[in-house]
Protein backbone atom coordinates (compact mmCIF):
# COMPACT_ATOMS: atom_id res chain seq x y z
CA MET A 1 60.55 147.38 86.96
CA ARG A 2 63.44 145.25 86.06
CA VAL A 3 63.88 147.22 82.90
CA MET A 4 64.13 150.57 85.05
CA ALA A 5 66.83 148.90 87.44
CA GLY A 6 69.75 149.12 85.11
CA PRO A 7 71.04 152.42 83.12
CA MET A 8 67.73 154.46 82.14
CA THR A 9 68.00 154.15 78.63
CA GLY A 10 65.79 152.52 76.14
CA ILE A 11 63.15 150.37 77.44
CA GLY A 12 63.63 151.71 81.01
CA ASN A 13 63.53 155.20 80.03
CA TYR A 14 60.47 154.72 77.83
CA SER A 15 58.54 152.86 81.02
CA PHE A 16 59.54 155.41 83.53
CA HIS A 17 58.70 158.59 81.73
CA LEU A 18 55.19 157.03 80.36
CA ILE A 19 54.26 155.65 83.91
CA GLN A 20 55.42 159.02 85.57
CA ALA A 21 53.12 161.06 82.96
CA LEU A 22 50.05 158.28 83.62
CA LEU A 23 50.43 158.86 87.33
CA LYS A 24 50.34 162.68 87.23
CA ASP A 25 47.33 162.53 84.61
CA GLU A 26 45.44 159.79 86.46
CA PRO A 27 46.20 159.62 89.95
CA ARG A 28 43.75 156.90 90.54
CA LEU A 29 45.87 154.57 88.48
CA HIS A 30 48.27 151.99 90.67
CA PHE A 31 51.29 150.63 89.18
CA SER A 32 53.48 147.74 90.66
CA GLY A 33 56.58 146.74 89.09
CA PHE A 34 58.61 143.21 89.57
CA GLY A 35 62.43 143.86 90.71
CA LEU A 36 64.81 141.05 90.98
CA THR A 37 63.15 139.18 93.46
CA SER A 38 59.51 140.97 94.27
CA TRP A 39 56.96 143.22 93.59
CA LEU A 40 57.32 146.83 94.43
CA SER A 41 54.72 149.70 94.38
CA LEU A 42 55.54 152.29 91.71
CA ASP A 43 54.21 155.40 92.91
CA ALA A 44 55.38 158.91 92.23
CA GLY A 45 57.51 159.05 95.06
CA GLU A 46 59.41 155.58 93.88
CA LEU A 47 59.68 157.07 90.64
CA ASP A 48 61.56 160.26 91.94
CA ARG A 49 63.41 158.21 94.26
CA LEU A 50 64.51 156.07 91.30
CA SER A 51 65.30 158.84 88.99
CA ALA A 52 67.54 160.54 91.60
CA SER A 53 69.43 157.42 92.05
CA LYS A 54 70.14 156.98 88.46
CA GLU A 55 71.16 160.52 87.94
CA ALA A 56 73.61 160.14 90.97
CA ALA A 57 74.91 157.14 89.25
CA ARG A 58 75.52 158.50 85.88
CA ALA A 59 77.14 161.60 87.58
CA SER A 60 79.35 159.10 89.55
CA LYS A 61 78.21 160.45 92.95
CA PRO A 62 77.23 158.01 95.67
CA ALA A 63 73.34 158.10 95.79
CA ALA A 64 73.39 156.81 99.36
CA LYS A 65 75.59 156.36 102.09
CA GLY A 66 76.42 153.72 105.13
CA ILE A 67 74.24 150.81 105.13
CA GLY A 68 71.77 152.03 102.49
CA ARG A 69 75.05 152.39 100.02
CA LEU A 70 76.03 148.71 100.82
CA ARG A 71 72.64 147.38 100.24
CA ASN A 72 72.55 149.31 96.83
CA LEU A 73 76.04 147.83 96.02
CA ALA A 74 74.87 144.37 96.85
CA VAL A 75 71.51 144.38 94.82
CA GLU A 76 73.68 145.75 91.96
CA LYS A 77 76.17 143.15 92.03
CA LEU A 78 73.25 140.42 91.88
CA ARG A 79 71.45 142.22 89.10
CA GLN A 80 74.49 141.83 87.10
CA SER A 81 75.52 138.15 87.87
CA LYS A 82 74.63 135.57 85.65
CA LEU A 83 72.24 133.91 87.91
CA ALA A 84 70.03 137.25 87.69
CA PRO A 85 68.06 136.10 84.82
CA ALA A 86 67.40 132.79 86.21
CA ILE A 87 66.51 134.24 89.83
CA TYR A 88 64.21 136.96 87.93
CA ARG A 89 62.17 134.45 85.82
CA ALA A 90 61.79 132.03 88.63
CA GLN A 91 60.40 134.62 91.23
CA PHE A 92 58.25 136.03 88.57
CA VAL A 93 56.58 132.90 87.51
CA ARG A 94 55.96 131.99 91.22
CA THR A 95 54.39 135.47 92.21
CA VAL A 96 52.72 137.02 89.39
CA LYS A 97 49.37 135.13 89.73
CA ARG A 98 49.50 136.14 93.37
CA GLN A 99 49.07 139.61 92.65
CA SER A 100 45.75 141.56 92.35
CA PHE A 101 45.94 143.17 89.03
CA ASP A 102 43.47 144.45 86.44
CA LEU A 103 45.87 144.69 83.52
CA PHE A 104 49.56 143.64 82.92
CA HIS A 105 51.23 146.18 81.07
CA ALA A 106 54.50 144.15 79.36
CA PHE A 107 56.84 146.84 78.76
CA ASN A 108 59.51 144.48 77.72
CA PHE A 109 57.66 143.06 74.87
CA LEU A 110 55.96 140.03 76.79
CA PRO A 111 56.10 138.69 80.33
CA PHE A 112 58.00 135.68 81.44
CA ALA A 113 54.72 133.78 82.46
CA ASP A 114 50.77 134.08 81.75
CA PRO A 115 50.14 136.78 84.51
CA GLY A 116 46.26 135.56 84.61
CA VAL A 117 44.93 138.96 83.26
CA VAL A 118 44.52 140.87 80.10
CA THR A 119 47.98 142.05 78.83
CA LEU A 120 48.99 144.82 76.69
CA PRO A 121 52.49 144.17 75.01
CA VAL A 122 54.77 146.83 74.16
CA VAL A 123 56.72 146.30 70.90
CA TYR A 124 59.53 149.03 70.39
CA ASP A 125 61.07 147.67 66.97
CA LEU A 126 61.94 144.58 65.22
CA SER A 127 65.56 144.43 65.04
CA PHE A 128 65.64 141.33 66.43
CA VAL A 129 63.82 139.82 63.21
CA ARG A 130 65.58 142.15 60.87
CA TYR A 131 69.03 142.08 62.66
CA PRO A 132 68.88 139.06 64.71
CA HIS A 133 73.04 138.92 64.86
CA THR A 134 72.63 142.13 67.03
CA HIS A 135 70.73 140.59 69.82
CA PRO A 136 71.99 137.98 72.16
CA ARG A 137 70.45 134.37 71.89
CA GLU A 138 68.69 134.24 74.98
CA ARG A 139 66.70 137.16 73.80
CA LEU A 140 66.00 135.88 70.66
CA ARG A 141 64.76 132.50 72.16
CA ARG A 142 62.42 134.40 74.50
CA LEU A 143 61.12 136.39 71.54
CA GLU A 144 60.24 133.41 69.54
CA ARG A 145 56.73 133.41 71.79
CA LEU A 146 55.75 137.02 70.55
CA PRO A 147 54.18 136.12 67.18
CA GLN A 148 51.59 134.12 68.67
CA PHE A 149 51.27 136.41 71.87
CA LEU A 150 50.57 139.44 69.40
CA GLU A 151 48.08 137.31 67.77
CA ASP A 152 46.29 136.69 70.91
CA ALA A 153 46.43 140.06 72.49
CA PRO A 154 43.55 142.50 72.07
CA LEU A 155 45.68 145.58 71.60
CA VAL A 156 49.32 146.01 70.91
CA GLN A 157 51.37 149.13 71.76
CA THR A 158 54.41 150.74 70.06
CA ILE A 159 56.38 153.69 69.57
CA SER A 160 56.30 154.93 66.00
CA GLU A 161 54.56 154.42 62.79
CA PHE A 162 57.43 152.93 61.36
CA SER A 163 57.29 150.10 64.09
CA ARG A 164 53.43 150.01 63.69
CA ASP A 165 54.03 149.10 59.79
CA GLU A 166 56.86 146.83 60.65
CA ILE A 167 54.53 144.72 62.99
CA THR A 168 51.79 144.62 60.44
CA SER A 169 54.32 143.54 57.74
CA VAL A 170 56.18 140.96 59.70
CA PHE A 171 53.47 139.54 61.79
CA GLY A 172 50.11 140.33 60.04
CA CYS A 173 48.83 142.19 62.99
CA PRO A 174 45.84 144.58 61.97
CA LYS A 175 46.84 148.11 62.16
CA ASP A 176 43.66 148.97 63.97
CA LYS A 177 44.74 147.37 66.95
CA ILE A 178 48.18 148.66 66.98
CA ILE A 179 48.29 151.71 69.20
CA VAL A 180 51.35 154.29 68.53
CA ALA A 181 52.10 156.08 71.76
CA PRO A 182 55.82 157.70 70.87
CA PRO A 183 58.36 158.89 73.57
CA ALA A 184 59.29 162.29 73.80
CA ALA A 185 62.32 164.66 75.03
CA SER A 186 62.41 165.25 78.96
CA ASP A 187 61.65 168.70 80.38
CA ILE A 188 65.38 168.94 80.77
CA PHE A 189 66.28 168.83 77.19
CA ARG A 190 65.97 172.50 76.48
CA PRO A 191 68.16 175.12 75.30
CA LEU A 192 70.34 176.99 78.07
CA GLY A 193 71.98 179.82 76.09
CA PRO A 194 75.52 179.92 74.72
CA GLU A 195 77.04 181.44 77.75
CA ILE A 196 75.78 178.76 80.39
CA VAL A 197 76.64 175.93 77.92
CA GLN A 198 80.23 177.10 77.16
CA SER A 199 80.79 177.26 80.97
CA GLN A 200 79.38 174.05 81.68
CA LEU A 201 81.58 172.32 78.71
CA ALA A 202 84.58 174.08 80.11
CA GLN A 203 83.78 172.25 83.43
CA MET A 204 83.57 168.98 81.34
CA GLY A 205 87.01 169.71 79.85
CA ILE A 206 85.44 170.37 76.27
CA THR A 207 86.10 173.53 74.52
CA GLY A 208 85.61 174.65 70.89
CA ASP A 209 83.48 173.00 68.39
CA TYR A 210 82.74 169.28 68.45
CA PHE A 211 80.27 166.67 66.99
CA LEU A 212 78.29 164.52 68.96
CA ALA A 213 77.38 160.86 68.76
CA VAL A 214 74.59 159.35 71.42
CA GLY A 215 73.77 155.83 72.23
CA THR A 216 74.48 152.43 73.81
CA LEU A 217 77.66 150.98 72.40
CA GLU A 218 76.43 148.08 70.45
CA PRO A 219 76.74 147.06 66.81
CA ARG A 220 73.30 148.12 65.59
CA LYS A 221 74.26 151.89 66.43
CA ASN A 222 76.75 151.62 63.71
CA LEU A 223 79.79 153.43 65.17
CA ARG A 224 82.31 151.50 63.13
CA THR A 225 80.86 153.45 59.92
CA LEU A 226 80.80 156.92 61.51
CA ILE A 227 84.25 156.50 63.11
CA GLN A 228 85.48 155.44 59.68
CA ALA A 229 83.91 158.50 58.18
CA PHE A 230 85.18 161.02 60.41
CA GLY A 231 88.78 159.14 60.17
CA ARG A 232 88.75 160.06 56.24
CA LEU A 233 88.80 163.71 57.24
CA SER A 234 92.18 165.66 57.27
CA LYS A 235 94.13 165.88 60.70
CA THR A 236 93.12 169.65 60.53
CA GLU A 237 89.28 169.17 59.93
CA ARG A 238 89.35 166.59 63.00
CA ALA A 239 91.20 169.02 65.24
CA ALA A 240 89.11 171.66 64.34
CA ALA A 241 85.73 169.57 65.34
CA PRO A 242 86.32 166.31 67.17
CA LEU A 243 83.91 163.47 67.70
CA LEU A 244 82.58 162.94 71.08
CA ILE A 245 80.75 159.57 71.73
CA VAL A 246 78.42 159.07 74.86
CA GLY A 247 76.84 156.15 75.96
CA GLY A 248 77.60 152.85 78.02
CA GLY A 249 78.35 149.56 77.17
CA GLY A 250 75.79 147.17 75.32
CA TRP A 251 75.75 143.64 73.85
CA GLY A 252 77.88 142.19 71.12
CA ALA A 253 81.20 143.15 69.76
CA LEU A 254 81.49 146.72 68.18
CA GLU A 255 84.22 145.85 65.80
CA LEU A 256 85.60 149.44 65.52
CA PRO A 257 87.80 150.24 62.80
CA PRO A 258 91.52 149.94 62.99
CA GLU A 259 91.94 153.76 62.83
CA THR A 260 89.88 154.00 66.22
CA GLU A 261 92.88 154.06 68.59
CA ALA A 262 94.82 156.53 66.36
CA LEU A 263 92.26 159.07 66.66
CA ARG A 264 91.84 158.53 70.25
CA SER A 265 95.60 158.95 70.85
CA GLU A 266 95.34 162.46 68.99
CA GLY A 267 92.44 163.32 70.95
CA SER A 268 90.12 163.89 67.88
CA LEU A 269 88.12 161.05 69.04
CA ARG A 270 86.68 160.87 72.93
CA PHE A 271 84.49 158.09 74.47
CA LEU A 272 82.78 159.87 77.17
CA GLY A 273 80.66 156.68 78.60
CA THR A 274 77.42 157.71 80.48
CA VAL A 275 76.79 161.09 81.51
CA SER A 276 73.87 162.55 83.58
CA ASN A 277 70.79 164.00 81.61
CA ALA A 278 72.15 167.58 82.73
CA GLU A 279 75.56 166.89 80.90
CA LEU A 280 73.76 165.18 77.91
CA ARG A 281 71.80 168.33 77.85
CA THR A 282 74.64 170.69 77.53
CA LEU A 283 76.65 168.50 75.10
CA TYR A 284 73.42 168.32 72.87
CA GLU A 285 73.42 172.25 72.85
CA GLY A 286 77.12 172.93 72.27
CA ALA A 287 77.43 170.51 69.65
CA LEU A 288 77.74 171.47 65.64
CA ALA A 289 75.52 168.51 65.42
CA LEU A 290 74.24 165.23 66.54
CA MET A 291 75.45 162.31 64.47
CA PHE A 292 73.11 159.32 64.60
CA PRO A 293 74.04 156.50 62.15
CA SER A 294 72.17 153.68 63.55
CA ILE A 295 71.19 151.15 61.25
CA TYR A 296 67.79 150.42 62.70
CA GLU A 297 65.50 152.01 65.48
CA GLY A 298 61.93 152.01 66.80
CA PHE A 299 62.04 155.78 67.26
CA GLY A 300 65.52 157.17 68.02
CA MET A 301 65.45 159.04 71.33
CA PRO A 302 68.85 161.22 70.74
CA VAL A 303 67.32 162.69 67.75
CA VAL A 304 64.19 164.09 69.49
CA GLU A 305 66.36 165.30 72.57
CA ALA A 306 68.85 166.86 70.04
CA MET A 307 66.40 168.92 68.35
CA ALA A 308 64.60 169.85 71.40
CA CYS A 309 67.98 171.79 72.45
CA GLY A 310 67.84 173.25 69.09
CA THR A 311 70.60 171.18 67.70
CA ARG A 312 71.13 170.12 64.14
CA VAL A 313 71.03 166.28 63.27
CA VAL A 314 72.35 163.82 60.72
CA HIS A 315 70.75 160.40 60.88
CA SER A 316 70.53 157.53 58.60
CA SER A 317 68.01 157.40 55.91
CA GLY A 318 64.85 155.39 55.31
CA THR A 319 64.72 154.59 59.15
CA SER A 320 61.97 155.56 61.92
CA MET A 321 64.15 158.74 62.36
CA ASP A 322 62.81 160.12 59.15
CA GLU A 323 59.26 160.36 61.16
CA ILE A 324 60.82 162.42 63.95
CA SER A 325 62.74 164.85 62.09
CA ASP A 326 60.22 165.59 59.39
CA GLY A 327 62.68 166.99 56.88
CA LEU A 328 64.49 169.16 59.18
CA ALA A 329 67.56 166.78 59.58
CA ILE A 330 70.43 165.69 57.05
CA LYS A 331 69.82 161.93 55.77
CA VAL A 332 72.37 160.05 54.92
CA GLY A 333 72.65 156.20 54.14
CA ALA A 334 73.63 154.21 57.17
CA LEU A 335 76.46 152.54 55.64
CA ASP A 336 77.43 155.26 53.21
CA ILE A 337 81.16 156.23 54.53
CA ASP A 338 81.45 158.78 52.01
CA ALA A 339 78.12 160.63 52.54
CA TRP A 340 78.87 160.57 56.22
CA THR A 341 82.34 162.04 55.66
CA ALA A 342 80.78 164.88 53.52
CA ALA A 343 78.15 165.51 56.22
CA PHE A 344 81.14 166.18 58.53
CA ARG A 345 82.84 168.41 56.19
CA ALA A 346 79.73 170.25 55.34
CA LEU A 347 78.63 170.96 58.97
CA THR A 348 82.20 172.06 59.85
CA ASP A 349 82.21 174.51 56.88
CA SER A 350 78.65 175.85 57.25
CA SER A 351 77.89 178.88 59.44
CA GLU A 352 75.95 178.66 62.85
CA ALA A 353 72.47 177.46 62.62
CA THR A 354 69.92 180.21 62.50
CA LEU A 355 67.38 181.36 65.16
CA ASP A 356 64.52 180.15 62.65
CA GLY A 357 66.35 176.90 62.35
CA SER A 358 66.54 176.08 65.88
CA THR A 359 62.88 177.53 66.45
CA ALA A 360 61.78 174.91 63.88
CA LEU A 361 63.92 171.95 65.27
CA ARG A 362 62.29 172.72 68.74
CA ALA A 363 58.76 173.10 67.46
CA ARG A 364 59.07 169.85 65.78
CA ALA A 365 60.39 168.07 69.16
CA ALA A 366 57.63 169.54 70.94
CA HIS A 367 55.25 167.67 68.54
CA PHE A 368 56.32 164.49 70.79
CA ASP A 369 54.66 164.55 74.30
CA TRP A 370 54.68 162.31 77.31
CA HIS A 371 51.20 163.41 78.29
CA ARG A 372 49.74 163.09 74.87
CA SER A 373 50.81 159.47 74.66
CA ALA A 374 49.62 158.84 78.16
CA ALA A 375 46.25 159.90 77.12
CA ARG A 376 46.35 157.23 74.47
CA ILE A 377 47.22 154.56 76.87
CA LYS A 378 44.91 155.63 79.53
CA ASP A 379 42.33 154.97 76.70
CA ALA A 380 43.67 151.49 76.18
CA TYR A 381 43.31 150.76 79.66
CA THR A 382 39.93 151.64 79.86
CA THR A 383 39.03 149.50 76.63
CA LEU A 384 40.98 146.60 77.91
CA VAL A 385 39.73 146.46 81.34
CA ASN A 386 35.90 147.13 80.23
CA THR A 387 36.18 144.34 77.57
């Protein structure tokens, strides 16, 4: 539950949509999630309320008024305080074995304490092994228990074949006990048509061509390389197609290149912060392309979301994104600045994407489906509970 308390990205987004699909497909299931201090029922109504609250927050609209809004603000302030992890851990340890669970689904890799029942851990990626400098120390300390936990777990869940291979390679976990249940684009990510998109973009203060980058602002997303590559375009080229970056703050120093402020000042580079899903859908469809230079991903949600909107994608090669795009994207070495510059230039000079190209992108995105993944997890639940 705590992973869904903050901005609905990454783990929170995956947990929310998978549980939502499981509840829709198997109404007999009952989920409880641990918030900051207590356990809450996660039924369909609670998920709808949580989703509406997050969308309102991202759209900068108050989700509640009066006492309700004050309560939400107080909870959010406590959640963001330095005491929050300690409070969460202590309360979880104190209460978890008092619950009547048949199974514990550890959506955040592993629980803080033994829940006393069989556990299904979800391992999204091994960036904390491959790139430990991109994670805070407390997270690395917590995940020191993961190798033994995976060895003891009867089944392990992950989100891509790429991550499945990583788990086997690094931890020696047998492939036949790793379930792959990939995420998918939400229903909102679909084409609206040029007229609607242009009208909505104008309301956001955006006109003309542009490139889009989406992701939490943290080192692993490799924005430094992307901005350096964009800065090598001529001023005329940058003015013709600015770079818009969507995403809230994450962990770690971004170490953006020195030219960042100059690019922002000239108006060719814009940081939009967090946006609602409706706004993100519009931004995807209106973009010349999604530029996704991440060094390492377990999946790469923006790639499948952009494709679902019929938008071209440029992403880092040799990553999990290869599995998503399946030959339909332009692939560039993550740290190859010249190649990223060339990709910007080629897409600026090229004609509009063909209808056939857009159709192929959307068809590929449809290959990933929350209900298909939910069916795999429901089977895993049955296996674990009956073992």
